[in-house]
PDB file of N, CA and C in Angstrom:
ATOM      1  N   UNK A   1      14.643 124.592 200.920  1.00  0.00           N
ATOM      2  CA  UNK A   1      13.879 124.550 199.695  1.00  0.00           C
ATOM      3  C   UNK A   1      12.935 123.352 199.747  1.00  0.00           C
ATOM      4  N   UNK A   2      11.676 123.577 199.446  1.00  0.00           N
ATOM      5  CA  UNK A   2      10.726 122.463 199.447  1.00  0.00           C
ATOM      6  C   UNK A   2      10.636 121.837 198.048  1.00  0.00           C
ATOM      7  N   UNK A   3       9.910 120.732 197.961  1.00  0.00           N
ATOM      8  CA  UNK A   3       9.852 119.994 196.694  1.00  0.00           C
ATOM      9  C   UNK A   3       9.183 120.804 195.584  1.00  0.00           C
ATOM     10  N   UNK A   4       8.226 121.638 195.941  1.00  0.00           N
ATOM     11  CA  UNK A   4       7.550 122.451 194.923  1.00  0.00           C
ATOM     12  C   UNK A   4       8.517 123.462 194.299  1.00  0.00           C
ATOM     13  N   UNK A   5       9.366 124.070 195.127  1.00  0.00           N
ATOM     14  CA  UNK A   5      10.350 125.028 194.626  1.00  0.00           C
ATOM     15  C   UNK A   5      11.378 124.340 193.734  1.00  0.00           C
ATOM     16  N   UNK A   6      11.851 123.192 194.190  1.00  0.00           N
ATOM     17  CA  UNK A   6      12.826 122.435 193.395  1.00  0.00           C
ATOM     18  C   UNK A   6      12.209 122.026 192.067  1.00  0.00           C
ATOM     19  N   UNK A   7      10.983 121.563 192.116  1.00  0.00           N
ATOM     20  CA  UNK A   7      10.286 121.156 190.903  1.00  0.00           C
ATOM     21  C   UNK A   7      10.118 122.346 189.942  1.00  0.00           C
ATOM     22  N   UNK A   8       9.720 123.480 190.479  1.00  0.00           N
ATOM     23  CA  UNK A   8       9.533 124.673 189.635  1.00  0.00           C
ATOM     24  C   UNK A   8      10.850 125.118 189.015  1.00  0.00           C
ATOM     25  N   UNK A   9      11.924 125.103 189.803  1.00  0.00           N
ATOM     26  CA  UNK A   9      13.230 125.497 189.279  1.00  0.00           C
ATOM     27  C   UNK A   9      13.723 124.531 188.204  1.00  0.00           C
ATOM     28  N   UNK A  10      13.552 123.242 188.444  1.00  0.00           N
ATOM     29  CA  UNK A  10      13.991 122.237 187.463  1.00  0.00           C
ATOM     30  C   UNK A  10      13.176 122.348 186.179  1.00  0.00           C
ATOM     31  N   UNK A  11      11.875 122.545 186.307  1.00  0.00           N
ATOM     32  CA  UNK A  11      11.013 122.706 185.134  1.00  0.00           C
ATOM     33  C   UNK A  11      11.411 123.945 184.337  1.00  0.00           C
ATOM     34  N   UNK A  12      11.711 125.036 185.045  1.00  0.00           N
ATOM     35  CA  UNK A  12      12.143 126.261 184.386  1.00  0.00           C
ATOM     36  C   UNK A  12      13.458 126.036 183.634  1.00  0.00           C
ATOM     37  N   UNK A  13      14.382 125.324 184.239  1.00  0.00           N
ATOM     38  CA  UNK A  13      15.662 125.023 183.605  1.00  0.00           C
ATOM     39  C   UNK A  13      15.464 124.191 182.341  1.00  0.00           C
ATOM     40  N   UNK A  14      14.602 123.195 182.410  1.00  0.00           N
ATOM     41  CA  UNK A  14      14.331 122.348 181.244  1.00  0.00           C
ATOM     42  C   UNK A  14      13.675 123.169 180.135  1.00  0.00           C
ATOM     43  N   UNK A  15      12.764 124.055 180.498  1.00  0.00           N
ATOM     44  CA  UNK A  15      12.112 124.913 179.505  1.00  0.00           C
ATOM     45  C   UNK A  15      13.133 125.832 178.826  1.00  0.00           C
ATOM     46  N   UNK A  16      14.066 126.361 179.590  1.00  0.00           N
ATOM     47  CA  UNK A  16      15.115 127.204 179.001  1.00  0.00           C
ATOM     48  C   UNK A  16      15.992 126.409 178.048  1.00  0.00           C
ATOM     49  N   UNK A  17      16.308 125.171 178.421  1.00  0.00           N
ATOM     50  CA  UNK A  17      17.063 124.299 177.523  1.00  0.00           C
ATOM     51  C   UNK A  17      16.295 124.087 176.227  1.00  0.00           C
ATOM     52  N   UNK A  18      15.001 123.833 176.340  1.00  0.00           N
ATOM     53  CA  UNK A  18      14.164 123.632 175.148  1.00  0.00           C
ATOM     54  C   UNK A  18      14.160 124.857 174.254  1.00  0.00           C
ATOM     55  N   UNK A  19      14.047 126.036 174.855  1.00  0.00           N
ATOM     56  CA  UNK A  19      14.062 127.271 174.066  1.00  0.00           C
ATOM     57  C   UNK A  19      15.402 127.454 173.360  1.00  0.00           C
ATOM     58  N   UNK A  20      16.494 127.195 174.061  1.00  0.00           N
ATOM     59  CA  UNK A  20      17.825 127.315 173.457  1.00  0.00           C
ATOM     60  C   UNK A  20      17.991 126.312 172.314  1.00  0.00           C
ATOM     61  N   UNK A  21      17.494 125.108 172.504  1.00  0.00           N
ATOM     62  CA  UNK A  21      17.586 124.096 171.449  1.00  0.00           C
ATOM     63  C   UNK A  21      16.784 124.516 170.219  1.00  0.00           C
ATOM     64  N   UNK A  22      15.601 125.088 170.436  1.00  0.00           N
ATOM     65  CA  UNK A  22      14.793 125.558 169.307  1.00  0.00           C
ATOM     66  C   UNK A  22      15.480 126.714 168.578  1.00  0.00           C
ATOM     67  N   UNK A  23      16.153 127.578 169.324  1.00  0.00           N
ATOM     68  CA  UNK A  23      16.900 128.658 168.676  1.00  0.00           C
ATOM     69  C   UNK A  23      18.040 128.094 167.828  1.00  0.00           C
ATOM     70  N   UNK A  24      18.747 127.106 168.350  1.00  0.00           N
ATOM     71  CA  UNK A  24      19.837 126.471 167.593  1.00  0.00           C
ATOM     72  C   UNK A  24      19.296 125.792 166.327  1.00  0.00           C
ATOM     73  N   UNK A  25      18.166 125.150 166.435  1.00  0.00           N
ATOM     74  CA  UNK A  25      17.554 124.503 165.272  1.00  0.00           C
ATOM     75  C   UNK A  25      17.149 125.554 164.246  1.00  0.00           C
ATOM     76  N   UNK A  26      16.624 126.667 164.713  1.00  0.00           N
ATOM     77  CA  UNK A  26      16.267 127.762 163.801  1.00  0.00           C
ATOM     78  C   UNK A  26      17.487 128.304 163.066  1.00  0.00           C
ATOM     79  N   UNK A  27      18.598 128.420 163.788  1.00  0.00           N
ATOM     80  CA  UNK A  27      19.838 128.871 163.153  1.00  0.00           C
ATOM     81  C   UNK A  27      20.317 127.865 162.112  1.00  0.00           C
ATOM     82  N   UNK A  28      20.210 126.584 162.421  1.00  0.00           N
ATOM     83  CA  UNK A  28      20.581 125.537 161.472  1.00  0.00           C
ATOM     84  C   UNK A  28      19.723 125.637 160.213  1.00  0.00           C
ATOM     85  N   UNK A  29      18.417 125.821 160.404  1.00  0.00           N
ATOM     86  CA  UNK A  29      17.498 125.914 159.270  1.00  0.00           C
ATOM     87  C   UNK A  29      17.838 127.133 158.405  1.00  0.00           C
ATOM     88  N   UNK A  30      18.065 128.265 159.050  1.00  0.00           N
ATOM     89  CA  UNK A  30      18.414 129.488 158.318  1.00  0.00           C
ATOM     90  C   UNK A  30      19.736 129.324 157.578  1.00  0.00           C
ATOM     91  N   UNK A  31      20.722 128.738 158.231  1.00  0.00           N
ATOM     92  CA  UNK A  31      22.014 128.508 157.591  1.00  0.00           C
ATOM     93  C   UNK A  31      21.896 127.589 156.389  1.00  0.00           C
ATOM     94  N   UNK A  32      21.100 126.551 156.513  1.00  0.00           N
ATOM     95  CA  UNK A  32      20.889 125.631 155.395  1.00  0.00           C
ATOM     96  C   UNK A  32      20.223 126.314 154.214  1.00  0.00           C
ATOM     97  N   UNK A  33      19.244 127.176 154.509  1.00  0.00           N
ATOM     98  CA  UNK A  33      18.566 127.908 153.434  1.00  0.00           C
ATOM     99  C   UNK A  33      19.513 128.896 152.762  1.00  0.00           C
ATOM    100  N   UNK A  34      20.346 129.555 153.551  1.00  0.00           N
ATOM    101  CA  UNK A  34      21.337 130.476 152.970  1.00  0.00           C
ATOM    102  C   UNK A  34      22.343 129.721 152.108  1.00  0.00           C
ATOM    103  N   UNK A  35      22.795 128.576 152.596  1.00  0.00           N
ATOM    104  CA  UNK A  35      23.745 127.774 151.842  1.00  0.00           C
ATOM    105  C   UNK A  35      23.133 127.342 150.512  1.00  0.00           C
ATOM    106  N   UNK A  36      21.875 126.911 150.535  1.00  0.00           N
ATOM    107  CA  UNK A  36      21.200 126.501 149.296  1.00  0.00           C
ATOM    108  C   UNK A  36      21.119 127.672 148.325  1.00  0.00           C
ATOM    109  N   UNK A  37      20.828 128.863 148.838  1.00  0.00           N
ATOM    110  CA  UNK A  37      20.758 130.045 147.980  1.00  0.00           C
ATOM    111  C   UNK A  37      22.111 130.392 147.384  1.00  0.00           C
ATOM    112  N   UNK A  38      23.155 130.305 148.188  1.00  0.00           N
ATOM    113  CA  UNK A  38      24.503 130.595 147.705  1.00  0.00           C
ATOM    114  C   UNK A  38      24.930 129.585 146.645  1.00  0.00           C
ATOM    115  N   UNK A  39      24.669 128.317 146.894  1.00  0.00           N
ATOM    116  CA  UNK A  39      25.013 127.286 145.918  1.00  0.00           C
ATOM    117  C   UNK A  39      24.234 127.477 144.618  1.00  0.00           C
ATOM    118  N   UNK A  40      22.994 127.883 144.731  1.00  0.00           N
ATOM    119  CA  UNK A  40      22.171 128.131 143.551  1.00  0.00           C
ATOM    120  C   UNK A  40      22.757 129.277 142.730  1.00  0.00           C
ATOM    121  N   UNK A  41      23.186 130.356 143.383  1.00  0.00           N
ATOM    122  CA  UNK A  41      23.794 131.483 142.672  1.00  0.00           C
ATOM    123  C   UNK A  41      25.084 131.068 141.993  1.00  0.00           C
ATOM    124  N   UNK A  42      25.906 130.300 142.685  1.00  0.00           N
ATOM    125  CA  UNK A  42      27.170 129.845 142.104  1.00  0.00           C
ATOM    126  C   UNK A  42      26.923 128.937 140.902  1.00  0.00           C
ATOM    127  N   UNK A  43      25.899 128.083 141.006  1.00  0.00           N
ATOM    128  CA  UNK A  43      25.572 127.205 139.904  1.00  0.00           C
ATOM    129  C   UNK A  43      25.166 128.018 138.681  1.00  0.00           C
ATOM    130  N   UNK A  44      24.309 129.005 138.901  1.00  0.00           N
ATOM    131  CA  UNK A  44      23.851 129.838 137.781  1.00  0.00           C
ATOM    132  C   UNK A  44      25.012 130.593 137.139  1.00  0.00           C
ATOM    133  N   UNK A  45      25.931 131.083 137.958  1.00  0.00           N
ATOM    134  CA  UNK A  45      27.099 131.785 137.420  1.00  0.00           C
ATOM    135  C   UNK A  45      27.974 130.834 136.605  1.00  0.00           C
ATOM    136  N   UNK A  46      28.173 129.630 137.112  1.00  0.00           N
ATOM    137  CA  UNK A  46      28.989 128.648 136.394  1.00  0.00           C
ATOM    138  C   UNK A  46      28.326 128.239 135.084  1.00  0.00           C
ATOM    139  N   UNK A  47      27.016 128.062 135.120  1.00  0.00           N
ATOM    140  CA  UNK A  47      26.294 127.692 133.895  1.00  0.00           C
ATOM    141  C   UNK A  47      26.346 128.825 132.871  1.00  0.00           C
ATOM    142  N   UNK A  48      26.232 130.048 133.326  1.00  0.00           N
ATOM    143  CA  UNK A  48      26.290 131.199 132.415  1.00  0.00           C
ATOM    144  C   UNK A  48      27.656 131.270 131.746  1.00  0.00           C
ATOM    145  N   UNK A  49      28.699 131.010 132.527  1.00  0.00           N
ATOM    146  CA  UNK A  49      30.060 131.086 132.013  1.00  0.00           C
ATOM    147  C   UNK A  49      30.357 129.957 131.022  1.00  0.00           C
ATOM    148  N   UNK A  50      29.876 128.758 131.295  1.00  0.00           N
ATOM    149  CA  UNK A  50      30.216 127.611 130.452  1.00  0.00           C
ATOM    150  C   UNK A  50      29.124 127.253 129.454  1.00  0.00           C
ATOM    151  N   UNK A  51      28.032 127.970 129.450  1.00  0.00           N
ATOM    152  CA  UNK A  51      26.882 127.638 128.621  1.00  0.00           C
ATOM    153  C   UNK A  51      27.217 127.585 127.131  1.00  0.00           C
ATOM    154  N   UNK A  52      28.074 128.461 126.656  1.00  0.00           N
ATOM    155  CA  UNK A  52      28.406 128.481 125.228  1.00  0.00           C
ATOM    156  C   UNK A  52      29.148 127.221 124.795  1.00  0.00           C
ATOM    157  N   UNK A  53      29.832 126.578 125.726  1.00  0.00           N
ATOM    158  CA  UNK A  53      30.633 125.392 125.409  1.00  0.00           C
ATOM    159  C   UNK A  53      29.817 124.097 125.477  1.00  0.00           C
ATOM    160  N   UNK A  54      28.591 124.193 125.991  1.00  0.00           N
ATOM    161  CA  UNK A  54      27.769 122.994 126.203  1.00  0.00           C
ATOM    162  C   UNK A  54      26.664 122.905 125.164  1.00  0.00           C
ATOM    163  N   UNK A  55      26.293 121.684 124.857  1.00  0.00           N
ATOM    164  CA  UNK A  55      25.156 121.506 123.946  1.00  0.00           C
ATOM    165  C   UNK A  55      23.864 121.817 124.694  1.00  0.00           C
ATOM    166  N   UNK A  56      22.816 122.025 123.948  1.00  0.00           N
ATOM    167  CA  UNK A  56      21.512 122.353 124.550  1.00  0.00           C
ATOM    168  C   UNK A  56      21.040 121.218 125.456  1.00  0.00           C
ATOM    169  N   UNK A  57      21.248 119.983 125.004  1.00  0.00           N
ATOM    170  CA  UNK A  57      20.818 118.836 125.812  1.00  0.00           C
ATOM    171  C   UNK A  57      21.629 118.732 127.106  1.00  0.00           C
ATOM    172  N   UNK A  58      22.912 118.989 127.037  1.00  0.00           N
ATOM    173  CA  UNK A  58      23.762 118.942 128.226  1.00  0.00           C
ATOM    174  C   UNK A  58      23.343 120.022 129.219  1.00  0.00           C
ATOM    175  N   UNK A  59      23.057 121.226 128.716  1.00  0.00           N
ATOM    176  CA  UNK A  59      22.589 122.320 129.601  1.00  0.00           C
ATOM    177  C   UNK A  59      21.277 121.935 130.268  1.00  0.00           C
ATOM    178  N   UNK A  60      20.377 121.363 129.466  1.00  0.00           N
ATOM    179  CA  UNK A  60      19.077 120.954 130.007  1.00  0.00           C
ATOM    180  C   UNK A  60      19.253 119.890 131.088  1.00  0.00           C
ATOM    181  N   UNK A  61      20.075 118.887 130.829  1.00  0.00           N
ATOM    182  CA  UNK A  61      20.316 117.824 131.807  1.00  0.00           C
ATOM    183  C   UNK A  61      21.009 118.356 133.052  1.00  0.00           C
ATOM    184  N   UNK A  62      21.975 119.232 132.874  1.00  0.00           N
ATOM    185  CA  UNK A  62      22.693 119.803 134.020  1.00  0.00           C
ATOM    186  C   UNK A  62      21.747 120.640 134.884  1.00  0.00           C
ATOM    187  N   UNK A  63      20.908 121.427 134.243  1.00  0.00           N
ATOM    188  CA  UNK A  63      19.955 122.244 135.011  1.00  0.00           C
ATOM    189  C   UNK A  63      18.934 121.376 135.738  1.00  0.00           C
ATOM    190  N   UNK A  64      18.509 120.309 135.082  1.00  0.00           N
ATOM    191  CA  UNK A  64      17.572 119.396 135.744  1.00  0.00           C
ATOM    192  C   UNK A  64      18.235 118.723 136.948  1.00  0.00           C
ATOM    193  N   UNK A  65      19.469 118.265 136.769  1.00  0.00           N
ATOM    194  CA  UNK A  65      20.201 117.640 137.889  1.00  0.00           C
ATOM    195  C   UNK A  65      20.366 118.634 139.032  1.00  0.00           C
ATOM    196  N   UNK A  66      20.679 119.870 138.704  1.00  0.00           N
ATOM    197  CA  UNK A  66      20.828 120.896 139.748  1.00  0.00           C
ATOM    198  C   UNK A  66      19.524 121.087 140.507  1.00  0.00           C
ATOM    199  N   UNK A  67      18.413 121.164 139.787  1.00  0.00           N
ATOM    200  CA  UNK A  67      17.114 121.339 140.451  1.00  0.00           C
ATOM    201  C   UNK A  67      16.806 120.162 141.373  1.00  0.00           C
ATOM    202  N   UNK A  68      17.105 118.960 140.924  1.00  0.00           N
ATOM    203  CA  UNK A  68      16.837 117.768 141.741  1.00  0.00           C
ATOM    204  C   UNK A  68      17.708 117.783 142.995  1.00  0.00           C
ATOM    205  N   UNK A  69      19.010 118.015 142.825  1.00  0.00           N
ATOM    206  CA  UNK A  69      19.920 118.017 143.976  1.00  0.00           C
ATOM    207  C   UNK A  69      19.592 119.148 144.944  1.00  0.00           C
ATOM    208  N   UNK A  70      19.283 120.315 144.394  1.00  0.00           N
ATOM    209  CA  UNK A  70      18.928 121.457 145.247  1.00  0.00           C
ATOM    210  C   UNK A  70      17.645 121.152 146.024  1.00  0.00           C
ATOM    211  N   UNK A  71      16.698 120.503 145.364  1.00  0.00           N
ATOM    212  CA  UNK A  71      15.455 120.119 146.042  1.00  0.00           C
ATOM    213  C   UNK A  71      15.701 119.125 147.164  1.00  0.00           C
ATOM    214  N   UNK A  72      16.553 118.137 146.907  1.00  0.00           N
ATOM    215  CA  UNK A  72      16.884 117.165 147.949  1.00  0.00           C
ATOM    216  C   UNK A  72      17.573 117.841 149.134  1.00  0.00           C
ATOM    217  N   UNK A  73      18.495 118.743 148.831  1.00  0.00           N
ATOM    218  CA  UNK A  73      19.206 119.423 149.912  1.00  0.00           C
ATOM    219  C   UNK A  73      18.239 120.260 150.750  1.00  0.00           C
ATOM    220  N   UNK A  74      17.401 121.045 150.089  1.00  0.00           N
ATOM    221  CA  UNK A  74      16.450 121.906 150.793  1.00  0.00           C
ATOM    222  C   UNK A  74      15.467 121.085 151.624  1.00  0.00           C
ATOM    223  N   UNK A  75      14.954 120.010 151.042  1.00  0.00           N
ATOM    224  CA  UNK A  75      14.032 119.146 151.783  1.00  0.00           C
ATOM    225  C   UNK A  75      14.744 118.450 152.937  1.00  0.00           C
ATOM    226  N   UNK A  76      15.993 118.069 152.730  1.00  0.00           N
ATOM    227  CA  UNK A  76      16.763 117.427 153.791  1.00  0.00           C
ATOM    228  C   UNK A  76      16.968 118.347 154.981  1.00  0.00           C
ATOM    229  N   UNK A  77      17.292 119.611 154.713  1.00  0.00           N
ATOM    230  CA  UNK A  77      17.461 120.582 155.803  1.00  0.00           C
ATOM    231  C   UNK A  77      16.143 120.775 156.542  1.00  0.00           C
ATOM    232  N   UNK A  78      15.065 120.949 155.796  1.00  0.00           N
ATOM    233  CA  UNK A  78      13.756 121.157 156.425  1.00  0.00           C
ATOM    234  C   UNK A  78      13.326 119.937 157.230  1.00  0.00           C
ATOM    235  N   UNK A  79      13.518 118.760 156.677  1.00  0.00           N
ATOM    236  CA  UNK A  79      13.111 117.529 157.362  1.00  0.00           C
ATOM    237  C   UNK A  79      13.932 117.294 158.621  1.00  0.00           C
ATOM    238  N   UNK A  80      15.246 117.488 158.531  1.00  0.00           N
ATOM    239  CA  UNK A  80      16.085 117.257 159.710  1.00  0.00           C
ATOM    240  C   UNK A  80      15.802 118.291 160.799  1.00  0.00           C
ATOM    241  N   UNK A  81      15.537 119.538 160.415  1.00  0.00           N
ATOM    242  CA  UNK A  81      15.211 120.562 161.408  1.00  0.00           C
ATOM    243  C   UNK A  81      13.865 120.261 162.071  1.00  0.00           C
ATOM    244  N   UNK A  82      12.892 119.851 161.279  1.00  0.00           N
ATOM    245  CA  UNK A  82      11.589 119.503 161.846  1.00  0.00           C
ATOM    246  C   UNK A  82      11.692 118.294 162.769  1.00  0.00           C
ATOM    247  N   UNK A  83      12.485 117.317 162.376  1.00  0.00           N
ATOM    248  CA  UNK A  83      12.689 116.144 163.222  1.00  0.00           C
ATOM    249  C   UNK A  83      13.368 116.507 164.528  1.00  0.00           C
ATOM    250  N   UNK A  84      14.344 117.394 164.458  1.00  0.00           N
ATOM    251  CA  UNK A  84      15.036 117.837 165.675  1.00  0.00           C
ATOM    252  C   UNK A  84      14.073 118.567 166.601  1.00  0.00           C
ATOM    253  N   UNK A  85      13.172 119.368 166.036  1.00  0.00           N
ATOM    254  CA  UNK A  85      12.183 120.063 166.869  1.00  0.00           C
ATOM    255  C   UNK A  85      11.277 119.073 167.586  1.00  0.00           C
ATOM    256  N   UNK A  86      10.871 118.024 166.890  1.00  0.00           N
ATOM    257  CA  UNK A  86      10.019 116.997 167.508  1.00  0.00           C
ATOM    258  C   UNK A  86      10.774 116.302 168.642  1.00  0.00           C
ATOM    259  N   UNK A  87      12.041 115.990 168.409  1.00  0.00           N
ATOM    260  CA  UNK A  87      12.852 115.333 169.443  1.00  0.00           C
ATOM    261  C   UNK A  87      12.970 116.232 170.671  1.00  0.00           C
ATOM    262  N   UNK A  88      13.270 117.507 170.464  1.00  0.00           N
ATOM    263  CA  UNK A  88      13.417 118.436 171.593  1.00  0.00           C
ATOM    264  C   UNK A  88      12.102 118.547 172.355  1.00  0.00           C
ATOM    265  N   UNK A  89      11.001 118.719 171.638  1.00  0.00           N
ATOM    266  CA  UNK A  89       9.702 118.834 172.303  1.00  0.00           C
ATOM    267  C   UNK A  89       9.364 117.579 173.095  1.00  0.00           C
ATOM    268  N   UNK A  90       9.655 116.417 172.537  1.00  0.00           N
ATOM    269  CA  UNK A  90       9.382 115.152 173.224  1.00  0.00           C
ATOM    270  C   UNK A  90      10.229 115.021 174.482  1.00  0.00           C
ATOM    271  N   UNK A  91      11.527 115.312 174.358  1.00  0.00           N
ATOM    272  CA  UNK A  91      12.412 115.212 175.527  1.00  0.00           C
ATOM    273  C   UNK A  91      12.040 116.212 176.618  1.00  0.00           C
ATOM    274  N   UNK A  92      11.738 117.430 176.226  1.00  0.00           N
ATOM    275  CA  UNK A  92      11.346 118.436 177.222  1.00  0.00           C
ATOM    276  C   UNK A  92      10.048 118.014 177.904  1.00  0.00           C
ATOM    277  N   UNK A  93       9.085 117.572 177.123  1.00  0.00           N
ATOM    278  CA  UNK A  93       7.808 117.136 177.699  1.00  0.00           C
ATOM    279  C   UNK A  93       7.973 115.962 178.649  1.00  0.00           C
ATOM    280  N   UNK A  94       8.760 114.984 178.244  1.00  0.00           N
ATOM    281  CA  UNK A  94       8.980 113.806 179.096  1.00  0.00           C
ATOM    282  C   UNK A  94       9.732 114.190 180.368  1.00  0.00           C
ATOM    283  N   UNK A  95      10.696 115.077 180.243  1.00  0.00           N
ATOM    284  CA  UNK A  95      11.464 115.499 181.420  1.00  0.00           C
ATOM    285  C   UNK A  95      10.596 116.282 182.396  1.00  0.00           C
ATOM    286  N   UNK A  96       9.767 117.181 181.871  1.00  0.00           N
ATOM    287  CA  UNK A  96       8.867 117.948 182.748  1.00  0.00           C
ATOM    288  C   UNK A  96       7.894 117.009 183.454  1.00  0.00           C
ATOM    289  N   UNK A  97       7.367 116.034 182.732  1.00  0.00           N
ATOM    290  CA  UNK A  97       6.460 115.053 183.346  1.00  0.00           C
ATOM    291  C   UNK A  97       7.179 114.269 184.447  1.00  0.00           C
ATOM    292  N   UNK A  98       8.404 113.860 184.181  1.00  0.00           N
ATOM    293  CA  UNK A  98       9.174 113.114 185.188  1.00  0.00           C
ATOM    294  C   UNK A  98       9.438 113.974 186.418  1.00  0.00           C
ATOM    295  N   UNK A  99       9.752 115.243 186.213  1.00  0.00           N
ATOM    296  CA  UNK A  99       9.993 116.152 187.350  1.00  0.00           C
ATOM    297  C   UNK A  99       8.723 116.297 188.180  1.00  0.00           C
ATOM    298  N   UNK A 100       7.609 116.495 187.516  1.00  0.00           N
ATOM    299  CA  UNK A 100       6.341 116.677 188.229  1.00  0.00           C
ATOM    300  C   UNK A 100       5.948 115.416 189.009  1.00  0.00           C
ATOM    301  N   UNK A 101       6.122 114.262 188.405  1.00  0.00           N
ATOM    302  CA  UNK A 101       5.780 113.008 189.084  1.00  0.00           C
ATOM    303  C   UNK A 101       6.714 112.744 190.262  1.00  0.00           C
ATOM    304  N   UNK A 102       7.989 113.041 190.074  1.00  0.00           N
ATOM    305  CA  UNK A 102       8.950 112.860 191.162  1.00  0.00           C
ATOM    306  C   UNK A 102       8.625 113.783 192.324  1.00  0.00           C
ATOM    307  N   UNK A 103       8.269 115.035 192.004  1.00  0.00           N
ATOM    308  CA  UNK A 103       7.914 115.989 193.062  1.00  0.00           C
ATOM    309  C   UNK A 103       6.657 115.541 193.808  1.00  0.00           C
ATOM    310  N   UNK A 104       5.675 115.041 193.065  1.00  0.00           N
ATOM    311  CA  UNK A 104       4.450 114.560 193.708  1.00  0.00           C
ATOM    312  C   UNK A 104       4.737 113.351 194.596  1.00  0.00           C
ATOM    313  N   UNK A 105       5.587 112.455 194.118  1.00  0.00           N
ATOM    314  CA  UNK A 105       5.965 111.285 194.901  1.00  0.00           C
ATOM    315  C   UNK A 105       6.703 111.703 196.160  1.00  0.00           C
ATOM    316  N   UNK A 106       7.638 112.630 196.028  1.00  0.00           N
ATOM    317  CA  UNK A 106       8.406 113.101 197.207  1.00  0.00           C
ATOM    318  C   UNK A 106       7.483 113.817 198.204  1.00  0.00           C
ATOM    319  N   UNK A 107       6.560 114.592 197.705  1.00  0.00           N
ATOM    320  CA  UNK A 107       5.614 115.306 198.569  1.00  0.00           C
ATOM    321  C   UNK A 107       4.740 114.303 199.336  1.00  0.00           C
ATOM    322  N   UNK A 108       4.292 113.266 198.636  1.00  0.00           N
ATOM    323  CA  UNK A 108       3.469 112.239 199.293  1.00  0.00           C
ATOM    324  C   UNK A 108       4.263 111.505 200.356  1.00  0.00           C
ATOM    325  N   UNK A 109       5.507 111.209 200.111  1.00  0.00           N
ATOM    326  CA  UNK A 109       6.347 110.533 201.101  1.00  0.00           C
ATOM    327  C   UNK A 109       6.635 111.428 202.290  1.00  0.00           C
ATOM    328  N   UNK A 110       6.795 112.725 202.054  1.00  0.00           N
ATOM    329  CA  UNK A 110       7.018 113.662 203.161  1.00  0.00           C
ATOM    330  C   UNK A 110       5.788 113.736 204.048  1.00  0.00           C
ATOM    331  N   UNK A 111       4.595 113.695 203.440  1.00  0.00           N
ATOM    332  CA  UNK A 111       3.365 113.752 204.226  1.00  0.00           C
ATOM    333  C   UNK A 111       3.174 112.475 205.030  1.00  0.00           C
ATOM    334  N   UNK A 112       3.562 111.334 204.481  1.00  0.00           N
ATOM    335  CA  UNK A 112       3.459 110.066 205.200  1.00  0.00           C
ATOM    336  C   UNK A 112       4.415 110.065 206.394  1.00  0.00           C
ATOM    337  N   UNK A 113       5.606 110.604 206.223  1.00  0.00           N
ATOM    338  CA  UNK A 113       6.611 110.618 207.275  1.00  0.00           C
ATOM    339  C   UNK A 113       6.234 111.560 208.396  1.00  0.00           C
ATOM    340  N   UNK A 114       5.455 112.578 208.093  1.00  0.00           N
ATOM    341  CA  UNK A 114       5.109 113.584 209.103  1.00  0.00           C
ATOM    342  C   UNK A 114       4.004 113.153 210.002  1.00  0.00           C
TER     343      UNK A 114
END
């Protein structure tokens, strides 16, 4: 196997890792969105059930708190998933660059030795 083949195989492997990582991040994002939706439904059901026992101001404050917390959770999932995508892209890019430079260096040394 020559350095070009090794470099191509290593680059392909790193690209596959990047794709798998992006799929995992997508699953995390989808799961977080589903969880937020489920929690929202449960909150609405609980509020409907207990609404008669609460004052109007308490219901208003509870609903506002729910909206704030739900917003933080949703933004947190989106932000962490986006950050993870940036990390994966950076690592894959840096690794591919390192593989290419190493292959070029090895090729140059092989030509000098010959």
